[in-house]
Structures are given as C-alpha cells and as structure tokens.
Amino acid sequence: MGDLFKPWRRKIGVVTLVMVCVFSVGWVRSFGISDVMECFPSESSMIRLISWGGNVSCSYQIGKPPVKYVKWFLFFAYENQYSFETEYEGCQWVWRVGHMGVATCSDTTSDSIAAVSPYWSIVIPLTLLSAYLLLSKPRIAKPKAIVENGLSE
C-alpha cells in the first residue's frame, strides 16, 4: 500500500480529486445560495469571486467600489435572485459561448472586466485528469546502463 502513493502522479491525482470535490460542492450549493468573496487591494480597485446559479465568476473592478473601503477582505452569501442574463445586463460581451465568456461592464463610477465559467467546465476536466492520474498504471523504471569512463592514461 505504501508504494501506491510513491509516484508524483498519484499525489497530484489525489490533489485534483480533492479539487473536484470542492468544486462539486460549490456547484451544488450555487443553485440555492450565491457566495461572494471580495478583496480590496487598494481604495480604487476590487477583485470579486462569485459562485451563483451553476456558474463561477471572477471580476476585476477599477474605480470606486460599491461598498465603503473598510476591510481588505469580505465574504457574504445570499439567496439566488437573478438569472444569468439579469446579472450581466448592460455589459458588453467580448467573448461568449452559452454561460461561458468574458464581459466588460461600465457605470458612472467604475469599470470592470469579468470572466464567467459554468462549474461543469471545471469539474469534468478535473475529474478526467484525476481518473487518469490515479488509475493509469505507473511506468516501470528502466535500469540505468553503466557507462564506463573512456579516459585512458
């Protein structure tokens, strides 16, 4: 059993499997509750991570943040209220396929750019990668050939 986790591939496989579990929990939770994490690197910028409606969104906002700058980091949750189209109403899509894409948004006080991705586009590739790393047979190491030093005196 100790040899099972010796190769790095198995260790990375376990890490990706844990990541799959975390993203799956976020995916299921996002259908009922929206989670928002905000980070304020300065008074005029904000990084926001939102999990809602089966999607995850990361945005960077430049300008006056909508909340008073009192903490460096905020986390809050609320019940889902808005559909995907309502959440990004008034934004210009730079690139979009379904619920995946990049949008720019502007209002009177700030500009922002957001990258949106459905959870399935994260969970499925990570699951496949984890399965490959954990279930594939490790390669057998070839013995190193002994090379004699060809120096002559």
C-alpha atoms as a PDB file:
ATOM      1  CA  MET A   1       0.000   0.000   0.000  1.00  0.00           C
ATOM      2  CA  GLY A   2       2.901   2.336   0.695  1.00  0.00           C
ATOM      3  CA  ASP A   3       4.067   2.055  -2.917  1.00  0.00           C
ATOM      4  CA  LEU A   4       0.699   3.280  -4.238  1.00  0.00           C
ATOM      5  CA  PHE A   5       1.406   6.938  -3.423  1.00  0.00           C
ATOM      6  CA  LYS A   6       5.121   6.991  -4.180  1.00  0.00           C
ATOM      7  CA  PRO A   7       4.891   8.356  -7.736  1.00  0.00           C
ATOM      8  CA  TRP A   8       4.204  12.086  -8.038  1.00  0.00           C
ATOM      9  CA  ARG A   9       1.414  11.287 -10.462  1.00  0.00           C
ATOM     10  CA  ARG A  10      -0.625   9.647  -7.686  1.00  0.00           C
ATOM     11  CA  LYS A  11      -0.088  12.550  -5.297  1.00  0.00           C
ATOM     12  CA  ILE A  12      -1.185  15.054  -7.945  1.00  0.00           C
ATOM     13  CA  GLY A  13      -4.154  12.781  -8.727  1.00  0.00           C
ATOM     14  CA  VAL A  14      -5.296  12.921  -5.101  1.00  0.00           C
ATOM     15  CA  VAL A  15      -4.941  16.731  -5.063  1.00  0.00           C
ATOM     16  CA  THR A  16      -7.027  17.055  -8.244  1.00  0.00           C
ATOM     17  CA  LEU A  17      -9.633  14.692  -6.782  1.00  0.00           C
ATOM     18  CA  VAL A  18      -9.920  16.918  -3.699  1.00  0.00           C
ATOM     19  CA  MET A  19     -10.295  19.929  -6.011  1.00  0.00           C
ATOM     20  CA  VAL A  20     -13.083  18.090  -7.880  1.00  0.00           C
ATOM     21  CA  CYS A  21     -14.892  17.521  -4.588  1.00  0.00           C
ATOM     22  CA  VAL A  22     -14.570  21.188  -3.567  1.00  0.00           C
ATOM     23  CA  PHE A  23     -15.806  22.469  -6.948  1.00  0.00           C
ATOM     24  CA  SER A  24     -18.667  19.925  -6.940  1.00  0.00           C
ATOM     25  CA  VAL A  25     -19.841  21.148  -3.536  1.00  0.00           C
ATOM     26  CA  GLY A  26     -19.671  24.735  -4.827  1.00  0.00           C
ATOM     27  CA  TRP A  27     -21.610  23.728  -7.940  1.00  0.00           C
ATOM     28  CA  VAL A  28     -24.474  22.163  -5.962  1.00  0.00           C
ATOM     29  CA  ARG A  29     -24.521  24.998  -3.400  1.00  0.00           C
ATOM     30  CA  SER A  30     -24.602  27.668  -6.123  1.00  0.00           C
ATOM     31  CA  PHE A  31     -28.105  26.675  -7.259  1.00  0.00           C
ATOM     32  CA  GLY A  32     -29.627  27.836  -3.965  1.00  0.00           C
ATOM     33  CA  ILE A  33     -27.138  30.256  -2.441  1.00  0.00           C
ATOM     34  CA  SER A  34     -24.797  32.784  -4.010  1.00  0.00           C
ATOM     35  CA  ASP A  35     -21.409  33.140  -2.361  1.00  0.00           C
ATOM     36  CA  VAL A  36     -19.420  36.325  -2.883  1.00  0.00           C
ATOM     37  CA  MET A  37     -15.815  36.927  -1.915  1.00  0.00           C
ATOM     38  CA  GLU A  38     -14.407  40.438  -2.365  1.00  0.00           C
ATOM     39  CA  CYS A  39     -10.820  41.573  -1.999  1.00  0.00           C
ATOM     40  CA  PHE A  40      -9.801  45.246  -1.989  1.00  0.00           C
ATOM     41  CA  PRO A  41      -6.112  45.586  -2.968  1.00  0.00           C
ATOM     42  CA  SER A  42      -6.495  49.375  -2.928  1.00  0.00           C
ATOM     43  CA  GLU A  43      -9.202  52.005  -2.457  1.00  0.00           C
ATOM     44  CA  SER A  44      -9.842  52.197  -6.190  1.00  0.00           C
ATOM     45  CA  SER A  45      -9.895  48.508  -7.134  1.00  0.00           C
ATOM     46  CA  MET A  46     -11.742  45.346  -6.191  1.00  0.00           C
ATOM     47  CA  ILE A  47     -11.427  41.666  -7.081  1.00  0.00           C
ATOM     48  CA  ARG A  48     -14.685  39.726  -6.774  1.00  0.00           C
ATOM     49  CA  LEU A  49     -15.284  35.970  -6.946  1.00  0.00           C
ATOM     50  CA  ILE A  50     -18.944  34.941  -7.232  1.00  0.00           C
ATOM     51  CA  SER A  51     -20.497  31.472  -7.196  1.00  0.00           C
ATOM     52  CA  TRP A  52     -24.133  31.509  -8.354  1.00  0.00           C
ATOM     53  CA  GLY A  53     -26.598  29.521 -10.451  1.00  0.00           C
ATOM     54  CA  GLY A  54     -24.144  26.810 -11.517  1.00  0.00           C
ATOM     55  CA  ASN A  55     -21.534  29.375 -12.579  1.00  0.00           C
ATOM     56  CA  VAL A  56     -18.407  30.873 -11.127  1.00  0.00           C
ATOM     57  CA  SER A  57     -17.326  34.404 -11.987  1.00  0.00           C
ATOM     58  CA  CYS A  58     -14.144  36.352 -11.329  1.00  0.00           C
ATOM     59  CA  SER A  59     -14.137  40.097 -11.929  1.00  0.00           C
ATOM     60  CA  TYR A  60     -11.728  42.972 -11.518  1.00  0.00           C
ATOM     61  CA  GLN A  61     -13.227  46.403 -10.937  1.00  0.00           C
ATOM     62  CA  ILE A  62     -11.384  49.699 -11.272  1.00  0.00           C
ATOM     63  CA  GLY A  63     -12.948  52.836  -9.883  1.00  0.00           C
ATOM     64  CA  LYS A  64     -14.928  53.482  -6.751  1.00  0.00           C
ATOM     65  CA  PRO A  65     -16.024  50.131  -5.231  1.00  0.00           C
ATOM     66  CA  PRO A  66     -19.738  49.926  -4.373  1.00  0.00           C
ATOM     67  CA  VAL A  67     -19.042  49.426  -0.669  1.00  0.00           C
ATOM     68  CA  LYS A  68     -17.092  51.597   1.697  1.00  0.00           C
ATOM     69  CA  TYR A  69     -13.449  50.581   1.824  1.00  0.00           C
ATOM     70  CA  VAL A  70     -13.157  49.457   5.448  1.00  0.00           C
ATOM     71  CA  LYS A  71     -11.779  45.921   5.207  1.00  0.00           C
ATOM     72  CA  TRP A  72      -9.280  44.274   2.949  1.00  0.00           C
ATOM     73  CA  PHE A  73     -11.421  41.159   2.506  1.00  0.00           C
ATOM     74  CA  LEU A  74     -15.196  40.467   2.613  1.00  0.00           C
ATOM     75  CA  PHE A  75     -17.221  37.263   2.303  1.00  0.00           C
ATOM     76  CA  PHE A  76     -21.000  37.055   2.240  1.00  0.00           C
ATOM     77  CA  ALA A  77     -23.796  34.833   0.937  1.00  0.00           C
ATOM     78  CA  TYR A  78     -27.360  35.483  -0.170  1.00  0.00           C
ATOM     79  CA  GLU A  79     -30.220  33.597  -1.841  1.00  0.00           C
ATOM     80  CA  ASN A  80     -30.086  33.453  -5.620  1.00  0.00           C
ATOM     81  CA  GLN A  81     -32.261  36.196  -7.052  1.00  0.00           C
ATOM     82  CA  TYR A  82     -31.003  36.896 -10.531  1.00  0.00           C
ATOM     83  CA  SER A  83     -30.765  34.903 -13.727  1.00  0.00           C
ATOM     84  CA  PHE A  84     -27.602  34.827 -15.803  1.00  0.00           C
ATOM     85  CA  GLU A  85     -28.931  37.443 -18.238  1.00  0.00           C
ATOM     86  CA  THR A  86     -30.048  39.776 -15.411  1.00  0.00           C
ATOM     87  CA  GLU A  87     -26.689  39.558 -13.657  1.00  0.00           C
ATOM     88  CA  TYR A  88     -24.838  40.781 -16.756  1.00  0.00           C
ATOM     89  CA  GLU A  89     -27.460  43.170 -18.114  1.00  0.00           C
ATOM     90  CA  GLY A  90     -25.786  46.236 -19.597  1.00  0.00           C
ATOM     91  CA  CYS A  91     -22.430  44.503 -20.030  1.00  0.00           C
ATOM     92  CA  GLN A  92     -20.690  44.086 -23.353  1.00  0.00           C
ATOM     93  CA  TRP A  93     -19.593  40.534 -24.088  1.00  0.00           C
ATOM     94  CA  VAL A  94     -16.089  40.370 -25.524  1.00  0.00           C
ATOM     95  CA  TRP A  95     -16.404  36.602 -25.985  1.00  0.00           C
ATOM     96  CA  ARG A  96     -19.310  34.328 -25.083  1.00  0.00           C
ATOM     97  CA  VAL A  97     -20.422  30.731 -25.609  1.00  0.00           C
ATOM     98  CA  GLY A  98     -23.521  29.870 -23.581  1.00  0.00           C
ATOM     99  CA  HIS A  99     -22.808  30.795 -19.961  1.00  0.00           C
ATOM    100  CA  MET A 100     -19.052  30.962 -20.514  1.00  0.00           C
ATOM    101  CA  GLY A 101     -17.314  34.138 -21.558  1.00  0.00           C
ATOM    102  CA  VAL A 102     -15.639  37.437 -20.830  1.00  0.00           C
ATOM    103  CA  ALA A 103     -17.610  40.660 -20.335  1.00  0.00           C
ATOM    104  CA  THR A 104     -16.767  44.307 -19.725  1.00  0.00           C
ATOM    105  CA  CYS A 105     -19.111  46.440 -17.672  1.00  0.00           C
ATOM    106  CA  SER A 106     -19.169  50.182 -17.059  1.00  0.00           C
ATOM    107  CA  ASP A 107     -21.253  52.500 -14.943  1.00  0.00           C
ATOM    108  CA  THR A 108     -20.853  56.073 -13.761  1.00  0.00           C
ATOM    109  CA  THR A 109     -18.292  55.274 -11.048  1.00  0.00           C
ATOM    110  CA  SER A 110     -16.344  52.221 -12.207  1.00  0.00           C
ATOM    111  CA  ASP A 111     -15.273  49.879 -14.996  1.00  0.00           C
ATOM    112  CA  SER A 112     -14.896  46.132 -14.643  1.00  0.00           C
ATOM    113  CA  ILE A 113     -13.994  43.017 -16.572  1.00  0.00           C
ATOM    114  CA  ALA A 114     -15.455  39.622 -15.659  1.00  0.00           C
ATOM    115  CA  ALA A 115     -14.667  36.057 -16.684  1.00  0.00           C
ATOM    116  CA  VAL A 116     -17.604  33.654 -16.265  1.00  0.00           C
ATOM    117  CA  SER A 117     -17.497  29.864 -16.453  1.00  0.00           C
ATOM    118  CA  PRO A 118     -20.030  27.157 -15.632  1.00  0.00           C
ATOM    119  CA  TYR A 119     -18.900  24.733 -12.945  1.00  0.00           C
ATOM    120  CA  TRP A 120     -19.202  21.734 -15.275  1.00  0.00           C
ATOM    121  CA  SER A 121     -16.408  23.139 -17.443  1.00  0.00           C
ATOM    122  CA  ILE A 122     -14.114  22.933 -14.405  1.00  0.00           C
ATOM    123  CA  VAL A 123     -15.377  19.745 -12.726  1.00  0.00           C
ATOM    124  CA  ILE A 124     -15.436  17.430 -15.763  1.00  0.00           C
ATOM    125  CA  PRO A 125     -11.856  18.081 -16.981  1.00  0.00           C
ATOM    126  CA  LEU A 126     -10.504  17.851 -13.407  1.00  0.00           C
ATOM    127  CA  THR A 127     -12.375  14.549 -12.922  1.00  0.00           C
ATOM    128  CA  LEU A 128     -10.906  13.110 -16.120  1.00  0.00           C
ATOM    129  CA  LEU A 129      -7.406  14.285 -15.182  1.00  0.00           C
ATOM    130  CA  SER A 130      -7.730  12.817 -11.690  1.00  0.00           C
ATOM    131  CA  ALA A 131      -9.004   9.493 -13.062  1.00  0.00           C
ATOM    132  CA  TYR A 132      -6.088   9.306 -15.488  1.00  0.00           C
ATOM    133  CA  LEU A 133      -3.519  10.140 -12.819  1.00  0.00           C
ATOM    134  CA  LEU A 134      -4.934   7.697 -10.256  1.00  0.00           C
ATOM    135  CA  LEU A 135      -5.982   4.778 -12.464  1.00  0.00           C
ATOM    136  CA  SER A 136      -3.230   4.604 -15.048  1.00  0.00           C
ATOM    137  CA  LYS A 137      -0.520   2.058 -14.423  1.00  0.00           C
ATOM    138  CA  PRO A 138       2.810   3.524 -13.386  1.00  0.00           C
ATOM    139  CA  ARG A 139       5.627   3.066 -15.859  1.00  0.00           C
ATOM    140  CA  ILE A 140       8.319   0.633 -14.870  1.00  0.00           C
ATOM    141  CA  ALA A 141      11.651   2.365 -14.496  1.00  0.00           C
ATOM    142  CA  LYS A 142      14.372   1.035 -16.772  1.00  0.00           C
ATOM    143  CA  PRO A 143      17.641   0.237 -15.036  1.00  0.00           C
ATOM    144  CA  LYS A 144      20.357   2.739 -15.777  1.00  0.00           C
ATOM    145  CA  ALA A 145      23.066   1.444 -18.033  1.00  0.00           C
ATOM    146  CA  ILE A 146      26.522   1.542 -16.558  1.00  0.00           C
ATOM    147  CA  VAL A 147      28.750   3.666 -18.710  1.00  0.00           C
ATOM    148  CA  GLU A 148      32.456   3.155 -18.287  1.00  0.00           C
ATOM    149  CA  ASN A 149      34.708   6.135 -18.277  1.00  0.00           C
ATOM    150  CA  GLY A 150      36.610   6.116 -21.550  1.00  0.00           C
ATOM    151  CA  LEU A 151      39.563   8.071 -20.262  1.00  0.00           C
ATOM    152  CA  SER A 152      42.893   6.368 -20.837  1.00  0.00           C
ATOM    153  CA  GLU A 153      46.210   7.284 -19.368  1.00  0.00           C
END
